Amino acid sequence: MNTPVNEPLALRTRASALQQQEALLPTTGPAEVPDAVQVGRQIAALGTLIRDLGDELSARAARQPAHVDTIRAAMAYAEAVGSLGEASAALGTVAQQIGFLGKTAEVRHLRWAREARKDAVRVIEYAVEAARDELRHGAQTLVQTARRLSPSSDDLRQQAALSRSATAAPPVPAAPGGPALATAAPAAPAAQSRR
């Protein structure tokens, strides 16, 4: 079970998983149609991530009373789940268009098929970029929340200073026979100053 202190680490770990999925997105272009098997596997991986983030969200929702950092983390997970859902939908569109290209491969010489296939490739490019944007947004949401929940460098310095002062050694006494540290100056006799 995560405590508020561990929230930044948990958020960054999940953000890293989204960044890895972004890096695995297929390259696209007129001569590069993604592999349907790869797209299907990535959709499955995004589904696993959605489940994992859902678990993170529900674990935090179950904590009552919830610490403010726990609520912020839960909100970040919810937003990231939304981004993953959009990325999955975009990859679903990619898979549909790959299927269309396979179905029309034998009639690609016909004019209508040529135009429709060009449109399908454009849709694939757009959908992959949409998935990329959503994964990036989800990861950024988690990272930004982790930053907000991390103690600032000023807080860390203050905690270190407090720790040092609590464990500081007692002052070293003056050497024997040395001069006195400080003595009060004798008060001027008031009676003599009036004479």
N, C-alpha and C. Protein backbone atom coordinates (compact mmCIF):
# COMPACT_ATOMS: atom_id res chain seq x y z
N MET A 1 0.84 -1.17 0.00
CA MET A 1 0.00 0.00 0.00
C MET A 1 0.88 1.23 0.00
N ASN A 2 0.62 2.18 -0.92
CA ASN A 2 1.44 3.37 -1.02
C ASN A 2 1.04 4.39 0.02
N THR A 3 2.03 5.04 0.60
CA THR A 3 1.77 6.18 1.47
C THR A 3 1.94 7.42 0.61
N PRO A 4 1.47 8.58 1.08
CA PRO A 4 1.64 9.79 0.28
C PRO A 4 3.08 10.05 -0.13
N VAL A 5 4.04 9.63 0.72
CA VAL A 5 5.45 9.85 0.39
C VAL A 5 5.85 9.06 -0.86
N ASN A 6 5.23 7.90 -1.08
CA ASN A 6 5.58 7.05 -2.22
C ASN A 6 4.82 7.40 -3.50
N GLU A 7 3.87 8.29 -3.42
CA GLU A 7 3.06 8.60 -4.61
C GLU A 7 3.90 9.06 -5.80
N PRO A 8 4.87 9.97 -5.63
CA PRO A 8 5.64 10.41 -6.80
C PRO A 8 6.32 9.25 -7.52
N LEU A 9 6.88 8.31 -6.77
CA LEU A 9 7.54 7.15 -7.38
C LEU A 9 6.54 6.29 -8.16
N ALA A 10 5.38 6.03 -7.56
CA ALA A 10 4.37 5.22 -8.24
C ALA A 10 3.89 5.91 -9.52
N LEU A 11 3.68 7.20 -9.46
CA LEU A 11 3.22 7.95 -10.63
C LEU A 11 4.27 7.92 -11.74
N ARG A 12 5.53 8.10 -11.37
CA ARG A 12 6.59 8.10 -12.39
C ARG A 12 6.75 6.71 -13.02
N THR A 13 6.57 5.67 -12.23
CA THR A 13 6.66 4.30 -12.76
C THR A 13 5.59 4.07 -13.81
N ARG A 14 4.37 4.49 -13.52
CA ARG A 14 3.28 4.32 -14.49
C ARG A 14 3.50 5.21 -15.72
N ALA A 15 4.01 6.40 -15.51
CA ALA A 15 4.30 7.30 -16.65
C ALA A 15 5.32 6.67 -17.57
N SER A 16 6.32 6.01 -17.00
CA SER A 16 7.34 5.34 -17.80
C SER A 16 6.73 4.24 -18.67
N ALA A 17 5.74 3.53 -18.13
CA ALA A 17 5.06 2.48 -18.91
C ALA A 17 4.33 3.08 -20.11
N LEU A 18 3.72 4.25 -19.94
CA LEU A 18 3.05 4.91 -21.06
C LEU A 18 4.06 5.39 -22.10
N GLN A 19 5.20 5.90 -21.62
CA GLN A 19 6.24 6.35 -22.55
C GLN A 19 6.80 5.19 -23.36
N GLN A 20 6.92 4.03 -22.73
CA GLN A 20 7.40 2.84 -23.46
C GLN A 20 6.42 2.45 -24.56
N GLN A 21 5.12 2.54 -24.26
CA GLN A 21 4.12 2.22 -25.28
C GLN A 21 4.15 3.24 -26.41
N GLU A 22 4.39 4.48 -26.09
CA GLU A 22 4.50 5.50 -27.14
C GLU A 22 5.67 5.17 -28.07
N ALA A 23 6.78 4.75 -27.49
CA ALA A 23 7.96 4.42 -28.29
C ALA A 23 7.71 3.20 -29.19
N LEU A 24 6.77 2.34 -28.81
CA LEU A 24 6.48 1.13 -29.60
C LEU A 24 5.48 1.36 -30.73
N LEU A 25 4.91 2.56 -30.81
CA LEU A 25 3.93 2.81 -31.87
C LEU A 25 4.58 2.62 -33.24
N PRO A 26 3.82 2.09 -34.20
CA PRO A 26 4.42 1.82 -35.51
C PRO A 26 4.73 3.10 -36.28
N THR A 27 5.72 2.99 -37.17
CA THR A 27 5.99 4.10 -38.08
C THR A 27 4.98 4.00 -39.22
N THR A 28 4.62 5.15 -39.77
CA THR A 28 3.62 5.16 -40.83
C THR A 28 4.12 5.99 -42.01
N GLY A 29 3.44 5.86 -43.10
CA GLY A 29 3.77 6.59 -44.31
C GLY A 29 3.16 5.87 -45.50
N PRO A 30 3.18 6.51 -46.68
CA PRO A 30 2.58 5.90 -47.87
C PRO A 30 3.12 4.50 -48.17
N ALA A 31 4.40 4.27 -47.88
CA ALA A 31 4.99 2.97 -48.17
C ALA A 31 5.10 2.09 -46.93
N GLU A 32 4.61 2.57 -45.78
CA GLU A 32 4.75 1.83 -44.53
C GLU A 32 3.40 1.65 -43.86
N VAL A 33 2.81 0.50 -44.05
CA VAL A 33 1.56 0.16 -43.37
C VAL A 33 1.93 -0.69 -42.16
N PRO A 34 1.43 -0.34 -40.98
CA PRO A 34 1.78 -1.12 -39.79
C PRO A 34 1.36 -2.58 -39.91
N ASP A 35 2.05 -3.41 -39.16
CA ASP A 35 1.73 -4.83 -39.11
C ASP A 35 0.52 -5.03 -38.20
N ALA A 36 -0.49 -5.72 -38.69
CA ALA A 36 -1.73 -5.91 -37.93
C ALA A 36 -1.49 -6.66 -36.62
N VAL A 37 -0.58 -7.61 -36.64
CA VAL A 37 -0.29 -8.38 -35.41
C VAL A 37 0.31 -7.46 -34.36
N GLN A 38 1.25 -6.62 -34.77
CA GLN A 38 1.88 -5.67 -33.84
C GLN A 38 0.84 -4.72 -33.25
N VAL A 39 -0.05 -4.23 -34.10
CA VAL A 39 -1.09 -3.31 -33.63
C VAL A 39 -2.00 -4.01 -32.63
N GLY A 40 -2.38 -5.24 -32.93
CA GLY A 40 -3.23 -6.00 -32.01
C GLY A 40 -2.55 -6.23 -30.66
N ARG A 41 -1.26 -6.54 -30.69
CA ARG A 41 -0.53 -6.74 -29.43
C ARG A 41 -0.45 -5.45 -28.62
N GLN A 42 -0.27 -4.33 -29.34
CA GLN A 42 -0.18 -3.06 -28.61
C GLN A 42 -1.53 -2.68 -28.01
N ILE A 43 -2.61 -2.97 -28.70
CA ILE A 43 -3.94 -2.72 -28.12
C ILE A 43 -4.10 -3.55 -26.84
N ALA A 44 -3.67 -4.82 -26.88
CA ALA A 44 -3.75 -5.67 -25.69
C ALA A 44 -2.89 -5.11 -24.56
N ALA A 45 -1.69 -4.59 -24.89
CA ALA A 45 -0.81 -4.01 -23.87
C ALA A 45 -1.45 -2.77 -23.25
N LEU A 46 -2.10 -1.96 -24.07
CA LEU A 46 -2.79 -0.78 -23.54
C LEU A 46 -3.94 -1.20 -22.63
N GLY A 47 -4.62 -2.29 -22.99
CA GLY A 47 -5.69 -2.81 -22.14
C GLY A 47 -5.16 -3.22 -20.77
N THR A 48 -3.97 -3.83 -20.75
CA THR A 48 -3.34 -4.21 -19.48
C THR A 48 -3.00 -2.97 -18.66
N LEU A 49 -2.49 -1.94 -19.33
CA LEU A 49 -2.17 -0.69 -18.64
C LEU A 49 -3.42 -0.02 -18.07
N ILE A 50 -4.51 -0.07 -18.82
CA ILE A 50 -5.77 0.50 -18.32
C ILE A 50 -6.18 -0.23 -17.04
N ARG A 51 -6.06 -1.56 -17.06
CA ARG A 51 -6.40 -2.34 -15.86
C ARG A 51 -5.50 -1.96 -14.69
N ASP A 52 -4.20 -1.83 -14.96
CA ASP A 52 -3.25 -1.49 -13.89
C ASP A 52 -3.55 -0.11 -13.30
N LEU A 53 -3.82 0.85 -14.16
CA LEU A 53 -4.13 2.20 -13.66
C LEU A 53 -5.47 2.21 -12.94
N GLY A 54 -6.39 1.39 -13.41
CA GLY A 54 -7.67 1.25 -12.71
C GLY A 54 -7.47 0.70 -11.32
N ASP A 55 -6.55 -0.26 -11.17
CA ASP A 55 -6.22 -0.80 -9.85
C ASP A 55 -5.62 0.28 -8.95
N GLU A 56 -4.73 1.11 -9.52
CA GLU A 56 -4.13 2.20 -8.75
C GLU A 56 -5.23 3.17 -8.28
N LEU A 57 -6.14 3.48 -9.19
CA LEU A 57 -7.23 4.40 -8.87
C LEU A 57 -8.12 3.84 -7.78
N SER A 58 -8.53 2.58 -7.91
CA SER A 58 -9.44 2.00 -6.93
C SER A 58 -8.77 1.84 -5.57
N ALA A 59 -7.47 1.54 -5.55
CA ALA A 59 -6.75 1.43 -4.27
C ALA A 59 -6.75 2.75 -3.53
N ARG A 60 -6.62 3.84 -4.25
CA ARG A 60 -6.61 5.15 -3.61
C ARG A 60 -8.01 5.59 -3.22
N ALA A 61 -8.99 5.22 -4.02
CA ALA A 61 -10.37 5.57 -3.68
C ALA A 61 -10.83 4.85 -2.42
N ALA A 62 -10.23 3.69 -2.14
CA ALA A 62 -10.62 2.90 -0.96
C ALA A 62 -10.05 3.48 0.34
N ARG A 63 -9.06 4.35 0.24
CA ARG A 63 -8.46 4.92 1.44
C ARG A 63 -9.35 6.01 2.01
N GLN A 64 -9.83 5.79 3.20
CA GLN A 64 -10.69 6.79 3.86
C GLN A 64 -10.23 6.99 5.29
N PRO A 65 -10.03 8.19 5.74
CA PRO A 65 -10.10 9.43 4.96
C PRO A 65 -8.88 9.53 4.04
N ALA A 66 -9.09 10.10 2.88
CA ALA A 66 -8.02 10.17 1.89
C ALA A 66 -7.16 11.40 2.11
N HIS A 67 -5.86 11.21 2.07
CA HIS A 67 -4.90 12.32 2.13
C HIS A 67 -5.02 13.10 0.82
N VAL A 68 -4.76 14.40 0.86
CA VAL A 68 -4.91 15.24 -0.34
C VAL A 68 -4.00 14.75 -1.47
N ASP A 69 -2.80 14.26 -1.14
CA ASP A 69 -1.90 13.73 -2.18
C ASP A 69 -2.48 12.47 -2.81
N THR A 70 -3.18 11.67 -2.01
CA THR A 70 -3.82 10.46 -2.54
C THR A 70 -4.91 10.83 -3.53
N ILE A 71 -5.68 11.87 -3.22
CA ILE A 71 -6.75 12.32 -4.12
C ILE A 71 -6.16 12.84 -5.42
N ARG A 72 -5.08 13.62 -5.32
CA ARG A 72 -4.44 14.16 -6.53
C ARG A 72 -3.91 13.02 -7.41
N ALA A 73 -3.29 12.03 -6.78
CA ALA A 73 -2.78 10.89 -7.54
C ALA A 73 -3.92 10.13 -8.22
N ALA A 74 -5.02 9.93 -7.49
CA ALA A 74 -6.17 9.22 -8.07
C ALA A 74 -6.70 9.97 -9.29
N MET A 75 -6.77 11.29 -9.20
CA MET A 75 -7.26 12.09 -10.33
C MET A 75 -6.32 11.96 -11.53
N ALA A 76 -5.01 11.93 -11.27
CA ALA A 76 -4.05 11.77 -12.36
C ALA A 76 -4.21 10.40 -13.03
N TYR A 77 -4.39 9.36 -12.22
CA TYR A 77 -4.61 8.02 -12.80
C TYR A 77 -5.88 8.00 -13.64
N ALA A 78 -6.93 8.65 -13.17
CA ALA A 78 -8.20 8.68 -13.92
C ALA A 78 -8.00 9.36 -15.27
N GLU A 79 -7.27 10.48 -15.27
CA GLU A 79 -7.02 11.18 -16.53
C GLU A 79 -6.17 10.34 -17.47
N ALA A 80 -5.18 9.66 -16.92
CA ALA A 80 -4.32 8.81 -17.75
C ALA A 80 -5.10 7.63 -18.34
N VAL A 81 -6.07 7.10 -17.57
CA VAL A 81 -6.93 6.02 -18.09
C VAL A 81 -7.71 6.54 -19.30
N GLY A 82 -8.20 7.78 -19.21
CA GLY A 82 -8.92 8.37 -20.35
C GLY A 82 -8.02 8.47 -21.57
N SER A 83 -6.77 8.89 -21.37
CA SER A 83 -5.83 8.99 -22.49
C SER A 83 -5.54 7.61 -23.09
N LEU A 84 -5.39 6.61 -22.23
CA LEU A 84 -5.15 5.25 -22.74
C LEU A 84 -6.34 4.73 -23.53
N GLY A 85 -7.54 5.05 -23.06
CA GLY A 85 -8.74 4.64 -23.79
C GLY A 85 -8.78 5.25 -25.18
N GLU A 86 -8.44 6.55 -25.26
CA GLU A 86 -8.41 7.22 -26.58
C GLU A 86 -7.32 6.62 -27.47
N ALA A 87 -6.17 6.32 -26.89
CA ALA A 87 -5.08 5.71 -27.68
C ALA A 87 -5.50 4.33 -28.18
N SER A 88 -6.18 3.57 -27.34
CA SER A 88 -6.66 2.23 -27.76
C SER A 88 -7.66 2.35 -28.90
N ALA A 89 -8.56 3.32 -28.78
CA ALA A 89 -9.56 3.52 -29.84
C ALA A 89 -8.88 3.90 -31.15
N ALA A 90 -7.85 4.75 -31.07
CA ALA A 90 -7.14 5.16 -32.28
C ALA A 90 -6.45 3.95 -32.93
N LEU A 91 -5.86 3.08 -32.10
CA LEU A 91 -5.23 1.89 -32.66
C LEU A 91 -6.26 0.91 -33.21
N GLY A 92 -7.46 0.91 -32.64
CA GLY A 92 -8.55 0.11 -33.20
C GLY A 92 -8.89 0.57 -34.60
N THR A 93 -8.87 1.90 -34.80
CA THR A 93 -9.11 2.46 -36.15
C THR A 93 -8.00 2.02 -37.10
N VAL A 94 -6.75 2.03 -36.62
CA VAL A 94 -5.63 1.57 -37.45
C VAL A 94 -5.87 0.13 -37.88
N ALA A 95 -6.27 -0.72 -36.94
CA ALA A 95 -6.51 -2.13 -37.27
C ALA A 95 -7.61 -2.29 -38.32
N GLN A 96 -8.68 -1.48 -38.20
CA GLN A 96 -9.77 -1.55 -39.18
C GLN A 96 -9.27 -1.17 -40.57
N GLN A 97 -8.46 -0.13 -40.65
CA GLN A 97 -7.97 0.32 -41.95
C GLN A 97 -6.98 -0.68 -42.56
N ILE A 98 -6.19 -1.32 -41.71
CA ILE A 98 -5.30 -2.37 -42.22
C ILE A 98 -6.14 -3.51 -42.80
N GLY A 99 -7.23 -3.84 -42.12
CA GLY A 99 -8.14 -4.86 -42.64
C GLY A 99 -8.73 -4.46 -43.99
N PHE A 100 -9.09 -3.18 -44.12
CA PHE A 100 -9.64 -2.70 -45.39
C PHE A 100 -8.60 -2.83 -46.51
N LEU A 101 -7.34 -2.47 -46.18
CA LEU A 101 -6.29 -2.58 -47.19
C LEU A 101 -6.11 -4.03 -47.63
N GLY A 102 -6.19 -4.96 -46.67
CA GLY A 102 -6.08 -6.39 -47.02
C GLY A 102 -7.24 -6.85 -47.88
N LYS A 103 -8.44 -6.37 -47.56
CA LYS A 103 -9.64 -6.79 -48.29
C LYS A 103 -9.65 -6.28 -49.73
N THR A 104 -9.04 -5.11 -49.95
CA THR A 104 -9.07 -4.51 -51.30
C THR A 104 -7.77 -4.72 -52.07
N ALA A 105 -6.89 -5.56 -51.55
CA ALA A 105 -5.58 -5.75 -52.20
C ALA A 105 -5.74 -6.27 -53.63
N GLU A 106 -6.71 -7.15 -53.86
CA GLU A 106 -6.86 -7.76 -55.19
C GLU A 106 -7.45 -6.81 -56.22
N VAL A 107 -8.12 -5.75 -55.75
CA VAL A 107 -8.74 -4.81 -56.70
C VAL A 107 -8.05 -3.45 -56.66
N ARG A 108 -6.83 -3.42 -56.18
CA ARG A 108 -6.14 -2.13 -56.01
C ARG A 108 -5.95 -1.39 -57.34
N HIS A 109 -6.01 -2.10 -58.47
CA HIS A 109 -5.84 -1.46 -59.78
C HIS A 109 -7.07 -0.66 -60.19
N LEU A 110 -8.21 -0.90 -59.56
CA LEU A 110 -9.42 -0.13 -59.89
C LEU A 110 -9.33 1.27 -59.30
N ARG A 111 -9.88 2.23 -60.01
CA ARG A 111 -9.74 3.63 -59.59
C ARG A 111 -10.33 3.88 -58.21
N TRP A 112 -11.55 3.39 -57.97
CA TRP A 112 -12.21 3.63 -56.68
C TRP A 112 -11.40 3.02 -55.53
N ALA A 113 -10.81 1.83 -55.80
CA ALA A 113 -10.04 1.14 -54.77
C ALA A 113 -8.74 1.90 -54.50
N ARG A 114 -8.13 2.42 -55.58
CA ARG A 114 -6.89 3.19 -55.42
C ARG A 114 -7.12 4.39 -54.51
N GLU A 115 -8.21 5.12 -54.77
CA GLU A 115 -8.52 6.32 -53.97
C GLU A 115 -8.86 5.94 -52.53
N ALA A 116 -9.67 4.89 -52.39
CA ALA A 116 -10.07 4.46 -51.04
C ALA A 116 -8.87 3.98 -50.25
N ARG A 117 -7.94 3.32 -50.90
CA ARG A 117 -6.75 2.83 -50.22
C ARG A 117 -5.83 3.98 -49.79
N LYS A 118 -5.74 5.02 -50.62
CA LYS A 118 -4.97 6.21 -50.22
C LYS A 118 -5.58 6.85 -48.98
N ASP A 119 -6.91 6.93 -48.99
CA ASP A 119 -7.61 7.49 -47.82
C ASP A 119 -7.34 6.64 -46.57
N ALA A 120 -7.34 5.33 -46.74
CA ALA A 120 -7.10 4.43 -45.60
C ALA A 120 -5.71 4.65 -45.02
N VAL A 121 -4.72 4.85 -45.88
CA VAL A 121 -3.35 5.09 -45.41
C VAL A 121 -3.29 6.41 -44.64
N ARG A 122 -4.00 7.43 -45.14
CA ARG A 122 -4.03 8.73 -44.43
C ARG A 122 -4.70 8.58 -43.06
N VAL A 123 -5.78 7.82 -43.01
CA VAL A 123 -6.47 7.59 -41.73
C VAL A 123 -5.53 6.87 -40.75
N ILE A 124 -4.77 5.90 -41.25
CA ILE A 124 -3.81 5.18 -40.39
C ILE A 124 -2.79 6.15 -39.81
N GLU A 125 -2.23 7.01 -40.66
CA GLU A 125 -1.23 7.98 -40.19
C GLU A 125 -1.83 8.88 -39.11
N TYR A 126 -3.02 9.38 -39.38
CA TYR A 126 -3.67 10.28 -38.42
C TYR A 126 -3.95 9.54 -37.10
N ALA A 127 -4.44 8.31 -37.19
CA ALA A 127 -4.80 7.56 -35.98
C ALA A 127 -3.56 7.22 -35.14
N VAL A 128 -2.46 6.88 -35.80
CA VAL A 128 -1.23 6.58 -35.04
C VAL A 128 -0.75 7.84 -34.32
N GLU A 129 -0.81 8.99 -34.99
CA GLU A 129 -0.40 10.25 -34.35
C GLU A 129 -1.34 10.60 -33.20
N ALA A 130 -2.63 10.32 -33.36
CA ALA A 130 -3.58 10.57 -32.28
C ALA A 130 -3.24 9.70 -31.07
N ALA A 131 -2.90 8.43 -31.32
CA ALA A 131 -2.51 7.53 -30.23
C ALA A 131 -1.24 8.04 -29.55
N ARG A 132 -0.30 8.53 -30.35
CA ARG A 132 0.95 9.07 -29.81
C ARG A 132 0.67 10.26 -28.90
N ASP A 133 -0.18 11.17 -29.37
CA ASP A 133 -0.53 12.36 -28.57
C ASP A 133 -1.20 11.96 -27.26
N GLU A 134 -2.09 10.99 -27.32
CA GLU A 134 -2.81 10.58 -26.10
C GLU A 134 -1.87 9.92 -25.09
N LEU A 135 -0.98 9.07 -25.57
CA LEU A 135 -0.03 8.42 -24.67
C LEU A 135 0.91 9.46 -24.04
N ARG A 136 1.33 10.41 -24.86
CA ARG A 136 2.20 11.48 -24.34
C ARG A 136 1.46 12.30 -23.29
N HIS A 137 0.21 12.63 -23.57
CA HIS A 137 -0.59 13.42 -22.62
C HIS A 137 -0.76 12.66 -21.30
N GLY A 138 -1.08 11.37 -21.38
CA GLY A 138 -1.25 10.57 -20.17
C GLY A 138 0.02 10.52 -19.34
N ALA A 139 1.16 10.31 -20.00
CA ALA A 139 2.44 10.26 -19.28
C ALA A 139 2.76 11.60 -18.65
N GLN A 140 2.53 12.69 -19.38
CA GLN A 140 2.80 14.03 -18.84
C GLN A 140 1.93 14.33 -17.63
N THR A 141 0.68 13.91 -17.67
CA THR A 141 -0.22 14.12 -16.53
C THR A 141 0.35 13.45 -15.29
N LEU A 142 0.82 12.21 -15.43
CA LEU A 142 1.36 11.48 -14.29
C LEU A 142 2.66 12.11 -13.79
N VAL A 143 3.52 12.51 -14.71
CA VAL A 143 4.80 13.12 -14.32
C VAL A 143 4.58 14.46 -13.63
N GLN A 144 3.68 15.28 -14.17
CA GLN A 144 3.42 16.59 -13.56
C GLN A 144 2.83 16.44 -12.16
N THR A 145 1.96 15.47 -11.99
CA THR A 145 1.40 15.23 -10.66
C THR A 145 2.49 14.75 -9.70
N ALA A 146 3.38 13.89 -10.19
CA ALA A 146 4.50 13.43 -9.35
C ALA A 146 5.35 14.61 -8.91
N ARG A 147 5.58 15.56 -9.82
CA ARG A 147 6.37 16.75 -9.45
C ARG A 147 5.67 17.56 -8.37
N ARG A 148 4.35 17.72 -8.53
CA ARG A 148 3.60 18.49 -7.53
C ARG A 148 3.63 17.84 -6.16
N LEU A 149 3.67 16.51 -6.14
CA LEU A 149 3.64 15.80 -4.88
C LEU A 149 5.03 15.58 -4.29
N SER A 150 6.07 15.86 -5.07
CA SER A 150 7.44 15.70 -4.56
C SER A 150 7.78 16.91 -3.70
N PRO A 151 8.48 16.68 -2.60
CA PRO A 151 8.89 17.83 -1.80
C PRO A 151 9.84 18.70 -2.61
N SER A 152 9.70 20.02 -2.47
CA SER A 152 10.57 20.93 -3.21
C SER A 152 11.97 20.88 -2.63
N SER A 153 12.95 21.42 -3.37
CA SER A 153 14.33 21.43 -2.87
C SER A 153 14.44 22.28 -1.61
N ASP A 154 13.64 23.35 -1.50
CA ASP A 154 13.64 24.16 -0.27
C ASP A 154 13.17 23.33 0.91
N ASP A 155 12.09 22.53 0.70
CA ASP A 155 11.59 21.67 1.77
C ASP A 155 12.65 20.65 2.19
N LEU A 156 13.33 20.08 1.19
CA LEU A 156 14.36 19.08 1.50
C LEU A 156 15.51 19.71 2.28
N ARG A 157 15.93 20.94 1.89
CA ARG A 157 17.00 21.64 2.62
C ARG A 157 16.57 21.93 4.05
N GLN A 158 15.30 22.36 4.21
CA GLN A 158 14.81 22.66 5.55
C GLN A 158 14.77 21.40 6.41
N GLN A 159 14.31 20.29 5.83
CA GLN A 159 14.29 19.03 6.58
C GLN A 159 15.70 18.60 6.96
N ALA A 160 16.66 18.78 6.05
CA ALA A 160 18.05 18.42 6.35
C ALA A 160 18.61 19.29 7.46
N ALA A 161 18.29 20.59 7.42
CA ALA A 161 18.78 21.50 8.46
C ALA A 161 18.19 21.13 9.81
N LEU A 162 16.90 20.81 9.83
CA LEU A 162 16.27 20.41 11.09
C LEU A 162 16.89 19.12 11.61
N SER A 163 17.18 18.21 10.71
CA SER A 163 17.79 16.94 11.11
C SER A 163 19.18 17.17 11.69
N ARG A 164 19.95 18.06 11.05
CA ARG A 164 21.30 18.35 11.54
C ARG A 164 21.25 19.03 12.91
N SER A 165 20.32 19.98 13.09
CA SER A 165 20.26 20.70 14.36
C SER A 165 19.80 19.77 15.49
N ALA A 166 18.99 18.80 15.18
CA ALA A 166 18.52 17.86 16.21
C ALA A 166 19.63 16.92 16.66
N THR A 167 20.58 16.67 15.77
CA THR A 167 21.66 15.73 16.11
C THR A 167 22.99 16.43 16.32
N ALA A 168 22.97 17.77 16.44
CA ALA A 168 24.23 18.52 16.61
C ALA A 168 24.88 18.16 17.93
N ALA A 169 26.22 18.18 17.95
CA ALA A 169 26.97 17.87 19.16
C ALA A 169 26.87 19.05 20.13
N PRO A 170 26.96 18.80 21.46
CA PRO A 170 26.90 19.90 22.42
C PRO A 170 28.12 20.80 22.25
N PRO A 171 28.00 22.09 22.63
CA PRO A 171 29.13 23.00 22.45
C PRO A 171 30.33 22.57 23.28
N VAL A 172 31.52 22.81 22.76
CA VAL A 172 32.76 22.45 23.44
C VAL A 172 33.04 23.50 24.51
N PRO A 173 33.31 23.10 25.79
CA PRO A 173 33.58 24.09 26.85
C PRO A 173 34.92 24.79 26.60
N ALA A 174 35.07 26.01 27.18
CA ALA A 174 36.31 26.77 27.02
C ALA A 174 37.44 26.05 27.74
N ALA A 175 38.65 26.26 27.25
CA ALA A 175 39.82 25.63 27.86
C ALA A 175 40.02 26.18 29.27
N PRO A 176 40.47 25.33 30.24
CA PRO A 176 40.69 25.80 31.61
C PRO A 176 41.75 26.89 31.64
N GLY A 177 41.52 27.90 32.48
CA GLY A 177 42.48 28.99 32.65
C GLY A 177 42.44 29.99 31.53
N GLY A 178 41.59 29.80 30.56
CA GLY A 178 41.48 30.75 29.46
C GLY A 178 40.70 31.98 29.89
N PRO A 179 40.65 32.95 29.03
CA PRO A 179 39.92 34.16 29.39
C PRO A 179 38.44 33.87 29.55
N ALA A 180 37.81 34.65 30.38
CA ALA A 180 36.37 34.51 30.57
C ALA A 180 35.68 34.91 29.28
N LEU A 181 34.58 34.25 29.01
CA LEU A 181 33.89 34.51 27.74
C LEU A 181 33.37 35.94 27.66
N ALA A 182 32.58 36.31 28.61
CA ALA A 182 32.04 37.66 28.59
C ALA A 182 31.58 37.99 29.98
N THR A 183 31.95 39.14 30.47
CA THR A 183 31.47 39.58 31.78
C THR A 183 30.76 40.89 31.60
N ALA A 184 29.82 41.12 32.48
CA ALA A 184 29.07 42.38 32.38
C ALA A 184 29.96 43.51 32.85
N ALA A 185 29.91 44.65 32.19
CA ALA A 185 30.69 45.82 32.61
C ALA A 185 30.12 46.35 33.90
N PRO A 186 31.00 46.78 34.83
CA PRO A 186 30.48 47.31 36.09
C PRO A 186 29.67 48.56 35.84
N ALA A 187 28.60 48.68 36.58
CA ALA A 187 27.74 49.85 36.41
C ALA A 187 28.44 51.06 37.01
N ALA A 188 28.33 52.18 36.35
CA ALA A 188 28.94 53.42 36.87
C ALA A 188 28.19 53.84 38.11
N PRO A 189 28.90 54.20 39.18
CA PRO A 189 28.20 54.60 40.40
C PRO A 189 27.43 55.87 40.15
N ALA A 190 26.17 55.80 40.38
CA ALA A 190 25.28 56.92 40.10
C ALA A 190 25.55 58.08 41.03
N ALA A 191 25.89 57.75 42.27
CA ALA A 191 26.10 58.83 43.24
C ALA A 191 27.30 59.66 42.87
N GLN A 192 28.42 59.08 42.42
CA GLN A 192 29.62 59.83 42.08
C GLN A 192 29.40 60.70 40.85
N SER A 193 28.59 60.26 39.90
CA SER A 193 28.40 61.06 38.70
C SER A 193 27.64 62.34 38.98
N ARG A 194 26.91 62.40 40.13
CA ARG A 194 26.16 63.63 40.44
C ARG A 194 27.06 64.66 41.11
N ARG A 195 28.22 64.24 41.65
CA ARG A 195 29.08 65.17 42.39
C ARG A 195 29.87 66.05 41.51
